[in-house]
C-alpha cells in the first residue's frame, strides 16, 4: 500500500548539533518525515549531484528553521541530504532564503564563534566561509555571497572526520 509522507510541523525544526530538527546526520532518510528520494522530486532538474542521484534525498515541503529564539528563524528554500554507502545521512545541504540575511551571524547564536575564510576570484572577494566544529565533532559550514545578494548561500552539515562526505559529494544548484 502506497502512502504519502506528511512533512513535520514547523516547531520540529530547530537548528541543533546534528542538523535541523529530526533531519540529522546519522539517520536513515526513510525514517525522516518529509525526505523523499531526489530522483522522485518534481524539481530534480534544478540540481546537479555527484556521485549518484540515488544517494540524495530532498525535503519535500516548506521549511522554516528556528535558532535559539522563537522569533529568530531562517526560511529554507531547499534541504538536501546525502547518504553514505550504508544508506545513512552523512551530509546535509541547506539553502536559506532569501540570500544574505546575516546568516553567519545568526548561526553563531547556536554554534559560537566561527573560523572565517574569504574566497576570492581574480583578487576580488566573492564569498565568505564560516566554519564551526562542535564538541560532538560535527562540522557546520556556511558559504555565503560577499557582494551580490542574488547569489545563493549554503549551510552544510557533516561529521568532521567523514572524508567521504567531504570529498565524494558535489551538489550544485542550477540557474
C-alpha atoms as a PDB file:
ATOM      1  CA  UNK A   1       0.000   0.000   0.000  1.00  0.00           C
ATOM      2  CA  UNK A   2       1.458   3.358  -1.030  1.00  0.00           C
ATOM      3  CA  UNK A   3       1.195   6.343   1.255  1.00  0.00           C
ATOM      4  CA  UNK A   4       2.264   9.951   1.114  1.00  0.00           C
ATOM      5  CA  UNK A   5       4.694  11.163   3.724  1.00  0.00           C
ATOM      6  CA  UNK A   6       3.378  14.079   5.734  1.00  0.00           C
ATOM      7  CA  UNK A   7       6.020  16.737   6.393  1.00  0.00           C
ATOM      8  CA  UNK A   8       6.638  17.511  10.070  1.00  0.00           C
ATOM      9  CA  UNK A   9       5.225  20.633  11.636  1.00  0.00           C
ATOM     10  CA  UNK A  10       7.257  23.807  11.804  1.00  0.00           C
ATOM     11  CA  UNK A  11       8.016  23.525  15.532  1.00  0.00           C
ATOM     12  CA  UNK A  12      10.006  20.358  14.836  1.00  0.00           C
ATOM     13  CA  UNK A  13      12.694  22.384  13.091  1.00  0.00           C
ATOM     14  CA  UNK A  14      15.278  23.768  15.453  1.00  0.00           C
ATOM     15  CA  UNK A  15      18.949  24.089  14.499  1.00  0.00           C
ATOM     16  CA  UNK A  16      20.950  21.573  16.536  1.00  0.00           C
ATOM     17  CA  UNK A  17      24.401  19.978  16.525  1.00  0.00           C
ATOM     18  CA  UNK A  18      23.452  17.234  14.032  1.00  0.00           C
ATOM     19  CA  UNK A  19      21.207  19.163  11.636  1.00  0.00           C
ATOM     20  CA  UNK A  20      17.777  20.758  11.737  1.00  0.00           C
ATOM     21  CA  UNK A  21      15.070  19.196  13.881  1.00  0.00           C
ATOM     22  CA  UNK A  22      14.791  15.482  13.145  1.00  0.00           C
ATOM     23  CA  UNK A  23      16.683  15.847   9.858  1.00  0.00           C
ATOM     24  CA  UNK A  24      20.052  14.804  11.238  1.00  0.00           C
ATOM     25  CA  UNK A  25      23.367  13.249  10.348  1.00  0.00           C
ATOM     26  CA  UNK A  26      23.483   9.525  11.055  1.00  0.00           C
ATOM     27  CA  UNK A  27      19.787   8.863  10.414  1.00  0.00           C
ATOM     28  CA  UNK A  28      18.259   6.784   7.636  1.00  0.00           C
ATOM     29  CA  UNK A  29      16.316   9.034   5.221  1.00  0.00           C
ATOM     30  CA  UNK A  30      13.368   6.629   5.169  1.00  0.00           C
ATOM     31  CA  UNK A  31      12.956   7.309   8.911  1.00  0.00           C
ATOM     32  CA  UNK A  32      12.784  11.098   8.457  1.00  0.00           C
ATOM     33  CA  UNK A  33       9.366  12.521   7.642  1.00  0.00           C
ATOM     34  CA  UNK A  34       9.377  14.793   4.631  1.00  0.00           C
ATOM     35  CA  UNK A  35      12.518  13.420   2.938  1.00  0.00           C
ATOM     36  CA  UNK A  36      11.974  11.843  -0.475  1.00  0.00           C
ATOM     37  CA  UNK A  37      14.484  10.492  -2.995  1.00  0.00           C
ATOM     38  CA  UNK A  38      15.839  13.323  -5.130  1.00  0.00           C
ATOM     39  CA  UNK A  39      15.167  11.246  -8.256  1.00  0.00           C
ATOM     40  CA  UNK A  40      11.418  11.391  -7.388  1.00  0.00           C
ATOM     41  CA  UNK A  41      11.377  15.154  -6.736  1.00  0.00           C
ATOM     42  CA  UNK A  42       9.487  17.113  -9.376  1.00  0.00           C
ATOM     43  CA  UNK A  43      12.174  19.849  -9.477  1.00  0.00           C
ATOM     44  CA  UNK A  44      15.167  17.479  -9.520  1.00  0.00           C
ATOM     45  CA  UNK A  45      16.469  19.117 -12.702  1.00  0.00           C
ATOM     46  CA  UNK A  46      17.392  22.156 -10.569  1.00  0.00           C
ATOM     47  CA  UNK A  47      20.252  20.178  -9.022  1.00  0.00           C
ATOM     48  CA  UNK A  48      23.460  18.666 -10.305  1.00  0.00           C
ATOM     49  CA  UNK A  49      24.712  15.984  -7.934  1.00  0.00           C
ATOM     50  CA  UNK A  50      27.684  13.627  -7.885  1.00  0.00           C
ATOM     51  CA  UNK A  51      28.447  10.761  -7.426  1.00  0.00           C
ATOM     52  CA  UNK A  52      24.881   9.466  -7.932  1.00  0.00           C
ATOM     53  CA  UNK A  53      21.371  10.914  -7.675  1.00  0.00           C
ATOM     54  CA  UNK A  54      20.317   7.744  -5.798  1.00  0.00           C
ATOM     55  CA  UNK A  55      22.425   8.871  -2.816  1.00  0.00           C
ATOM     56  CA  UNK A  56      20.481  12.131  -2.358  1.00  0.00           C
ATOM     57  CA  UNK A  57      17.170  12.986  -0.724  1.00  0.00           C
ATOM     58  CA  UNK A  58      15.295  16.275  -0.634  1.00  0.00           C
ATOM     59  CA  UNK A  59      12.852  17.718   1.865  1.00  0.00           C
ATOM     60  CA  UNK A  60       9.517  17.933   0.062  1.00  0.00           C
ATOM     61  CA  UNK A  61       7.692  20.860   1.637  1.00  0.00           C
ATOM     62  CA  UNK A  62       8.146  24.334   3.021  1.00  0.00           C
ATOM     63  CA  UNK A  63      10.690  24.613   5.771  1.00  0.00           C
ATOM     64  CA  UNK A  64      11.428  27.204   8.426  1.00  0.00           C
ATOM     65  CA  UNK A  65      14.142  26.521  10.966  1.00  0.00           C
ATOM     66  CA  UNK A  66      14.370  28.230  14.311  1.00  0.00           C
ATOM     67  CA  UNK A  67      17.530  29.301  16.080  1.00  0.00           C
ATOM     68  CA  UNK A  68      17.556  29.812  19.859  1.00  0.00           C
ATOM     69  CA  UNK A  69      14.778  32.379  19.984  1.00  0.00           C
ATOM     70  CA  UNK A  70      11.301  31.669  18.574  1.00  0.00           C
ATOM     71  CA  UNK A  71      11.347  34.925  16.613  1.00  0.00           C
ATOM     72  CA  UNK A  72      14.745  34.115  15.080  1.00  0.00           C
ATOM     73  CA  UNK A  73      14.047  31.879  12.096  1.00  0.00           C
ATOM     74  CA  UNK A  74      15.638  31.119   8.761  1.00  0.00           C
ATOM     75  CA  UNK A  75      13.385  30.296   5.831  1.00  0.00           C
ATOM     76  CA  UNK A  76      14.834  27.443   3.834  1.00  0.00           C
ATOM     77  CA  UNK A  77      14.473  27.156   0.089  1.00  0.00           C
ATOM     78  CA  UNK A  78      15.918  23.634  -0.242  1.00  0.00           C
ATOM     79  CA  UNK A  79      17.287  20.985   2.101  1.00  0.00           C
ATOM     80  CA  UNK A  80      19.091  18.008   0.601  1.00  0.00           C
ATOM     81  CA  UNK A  81      20.617  15.029   2.381  1.00  0.00           C
ATOM     82  CA  UNK A  82      23.485  12.949   1.004  1.00  0.00           C
ATOM     83  CA  UNK A  83      23.918   9.360   2.172  1.00  0.00           C
ATOM     84  CA  UNK A  84      26.902   7.073   2.560  1.00  0.00           C
ATOM     85  CA  UNK A  85      27.123   3.600   1.016  1.00  0.00           C
ATOM     86  CA  UNK A  86      25.298   2.122   4.017  1.00  0.00           C
ATOM     87  CA  UNK A  87      22.357   4.485   3.450  1.00  0.00           C
ATOM     88  CA  UNK A  88      22.843   6.785   6.461  1.00  0.00           C
ATOM     89  CA  UNK A  89      22.749  10.571   6.115  1.00  0.00           C
ATOM     90  CA  UNK A  90      26.329  11.842   6.145  1.00  0.00           C
ATOM     91  CA  UNK A  91      25.818  15.348   4.782  1.00  0.00           C
ATOM     92  CA  UNK A  92      23.081  17.975   4.789  1.00  0.00           C
ATOM     93  CA  UNK A  93      22.920  20.847   2.309  1.00  0.00           C
ATOM     94  CA  UNK A  94      20.653  23.714   3.373  1.00  0.00           C
ATOM     95  CA  UNK A  95      19.872  26.621   1.035  1.00  0.00           C
ATOM     96  CA  UNK A  96      18.485  29.549   3.052  1.00  0.00           C
ATOM     97  CA  UNK A  97      16.281  32.210   1.523  1.00  0.00           C
ATOM     98  CA  UNK A  98      16.439  34.995   0.883  1.00  0.00           C
ATOM     99  CA  UNK A  99      20.162  35.099   0.201  1.00  0.00           C
ATOM    100  CA  UNK A 100      22.140  37.185   2.667  1.00  0.00           C
ATOM    101  CA  UNK A 101      20.158  37.946   5.791  1.00  0.00           C
ATOM    102  CA  UNK A 102      23.181  37.812   8.125  1.00  0.00           C
ATOM    103  CA  UNK A 103      23.011  34.011   8.175  1.00  0.00           C
ATOM    104  CA  UNK A 104      26.532  33.517   9.598  1.00  0.00           C
ATOM    105  CA  UNK A 105      25.887  35.881  12.491  1.00  0.00           C
ATOM    106  CA  UNK A 106      22.606  34.144  13.223  1.00  0.00           C
ATOM    107  CA  UNK A 107      24.194  30.681  13.146  1.00  0.00           C
ATOM    108  CA  UNK A 108      26.791  31.945  15.644  1.00  0.00           C
ATOM    109  CA  UNK A 109      23.932  32.257  18.167  1.00  0.00           C
ATOM    110  CA  UNK A 110      23.767  28.450  18.177  1.00  0.00           C
ATOM    111  CA  UNK A 111      27.289  27.300  17.333  1.00  0.00           C
ATOM    112  CA  UNK A 112      29.504  30.037  18.786  1.00  0.00           C
ATOM    113  CA  UNK A 113      32.267  31.979  17.090  1.00  0.00           C
ATOM    114  CA  UNK A 114      33.252  30.588  13.684  1.00  0.00           C
ATOM    115  CA  UNK A 115      36.542  30.342  11.893  1.00  0.00           C
ATOM    116  CA  UNK A 116      36.304  32.592   8.848  1.00  0.00           C
ATOM    117  CA  UNK A 117      37.854  32.472   5.405  1.00  0.00           C
ATOM    118  CA  UNK A 118      37.306  34.549   2.300  1.00  0.00           C
ATOM    119  CA  UNK A 119      37.048  33.178  -1.220  1.00  0.00           C
ATOM    120  CA  UNK A 120      38.371  35.347  -3.995  1.00  0.00           C
ATOM    121  CA  UNK A 121      38.360  35.289  -7.745  1.00  0.00           C
ATOM    122  CA  UNK A 122      40.819  37.450  -9.616  1.00  0.00           C
ATOM    123  CA  UNK A 123      41.745  39.309  -6.435  1.00  0.00           C
ATOM    124  CA  UNK A 124      38.144  40.224  -5.619  1.00  0.00           C
ATOM    125  CA  UNK A 125      36.358  38.713  -2.602  1.00  0.00           C
ATOM    126  CA  UNK A 126      33.354  36.753  -3.873  1.00  0.00           C
ATOM    127  CA  UNK A 127      32.211  34.823  -0.803  1.00  0.00           C
ATOM    128  CA  UNK A 128      32.815  34.307   2.875  1.00  0.00           C
ATOM    129  CA  UNK A 129      33.272  30.914   4.503  1.00  0.00           C
ATOM    130  CA  UNK A 130      32.299  30.374   8.143  1.00  0.00           C
ATOM    131  CA  UNK A 131      33.189  27.086   9.880  1.00  0.00           C
ATOM    132  CA  UNK A 132      32.133  25.645  13.218  1.00  0.00           C
ATOM    133  CA  UNK A 133      33.185  22.304  14.744  1.00  0.00           C
ATOM    134  CA  UNK A 134      31.010  21.144  17.629  1.00  0.00           C
ATOM    135  CA  UNK A 135      32.074  19.130  20.674  1.00  0.00           C
ATOM    136  CA  UNK A 136      30.353  16.171  19.023  1.00  0.00           C
ATOM    137  CA  UNK A 137      32.723  16.605  16.063  1.00  0.00           C
ATOM    138  CA  UNK A 138      30.129  17.815  13.606  1.00  0.00           C
ATOM    139  CA  UNK A 139      31.304  20.409  11.127  1.00  0.00           C
ATOM    140  CA  UNK A 140      28.867  23.114  10.109  1.00  0.00           C
ATOM    141  CA  UNK A 141      29.904  25.479   7.364  1.00  0.00           C
ATOM    142  CA  UNK A 142      28.202  28.426   5.758  1.00  0.00           C
ATOM    143  CA  UNK A 143      29.384  29.746   2.427  1.00  0.00           C
ATOM    144  CA  UNK A 144      27.635  32.964   1.582  1.00  0.00           C
ATOM    145  CA  UNK A 145      27.816  35.663  -1.048  1.00  0.00           C
ATOM    146  CA  UNK A 146      30.018  38.622  -0.272  1.00  0.00           C
ATOM    147  CA  UNK A 147      28.816  41.059  -2.921  1.00  0.00           C
ATOM    148  CA  UNK A 148      25.706  40.022  -4.802  1.00  0.00           C
ATOM    149  CA  UNK A 149      22.622  39.408  -2.697  1.00  0.00           C
ATOM    150  CA  UNK A 150      21.239  37.436  -5.655  1.00  0.00           C
ATOM    151  CA  UNK A 151      23.727  34.640  -5.105  1.00  0.00           C
ATOM    152  CA  UNK A 152      22.598  31.687  -3.028  1.00  0.00           C
ATOM    153  CA  UNK A 153      24.358  30.810   0.228  1.00  0.00           C
ATOM    154  CA  UNK A 154      24.577  27.265   1.561  1.00  0.00           C
ATOM    155  CA  UNK A 155      24.813  25.701   5.031  1.00  0.00           C
ATOM    156  CA  UNK A 156      26.463  22.259   5.134  1.00  0.00           C
ATOM    157  CA  UNK A 157      26.488  19.736   7.995  1.00  0.00           C
ATOM    158  CA  UNK A 158      28.839  16.722   8.058  1.00  0.00           C
ATOM    159  CA  UNK A 159      30.779  14.651  10.555  1.00  0.00           C
ATOM    160  CA  UNK A 160      34.232  16.226  10.922  1.00  0.00           C
ATOM    161  CA  UNK A 161      36.194  13.019  10.249  1.00  0.00           C
ATOM    162  CA  UNK A 162      33.966  11.769   7.406  1.00  0.00           C
ATOM    163  CA  UNK A 163      36.243  12.301   4.430  1.00  0.00           C
ATOM    164  CA  UNK A 164      33.726  10.649   2.083  1.00  0.00           C
ATOM    165  CA  UNK A 165      31.176  13.367   2.844  1.00  0.00           C
ATOM    166  CA  UNK A 166      33.813  15.997   2.161  1.00  0.00           C
ATOM    167  CA  UNK A 167      35.488  14.583  -0.935  1.00  0.00           C
ATOM    168  CA  UNK A 168      32.887  12.401  -2.646  1.00  0.00           C
ATOM    169  CA  UNK A 169      29.877  14.695  -2.840  1.00  0.00           C
ATOM    170  CA  UNK A 170      29.182  17.501  -5.252  1.00  0.00           C
ATOM    171  CA  UNK A 171      25.917  19.374  -5.273  1.00  0.00           C
ATOM    172  CA  UNK A 172      25.172  22.437  -7.353  1.00  0.00           C
ATOM    173  CA  UNK A 173      22.007  24.438  -7.759  1.00  0.00           C
ATOM    174  CA  UNK A 174      21.372  25.150 -11.429  1.00  0.00           C
ATOM    175  CA  UNK A 175      20.108  28.542 -12.504  1.00  0.00           C
END
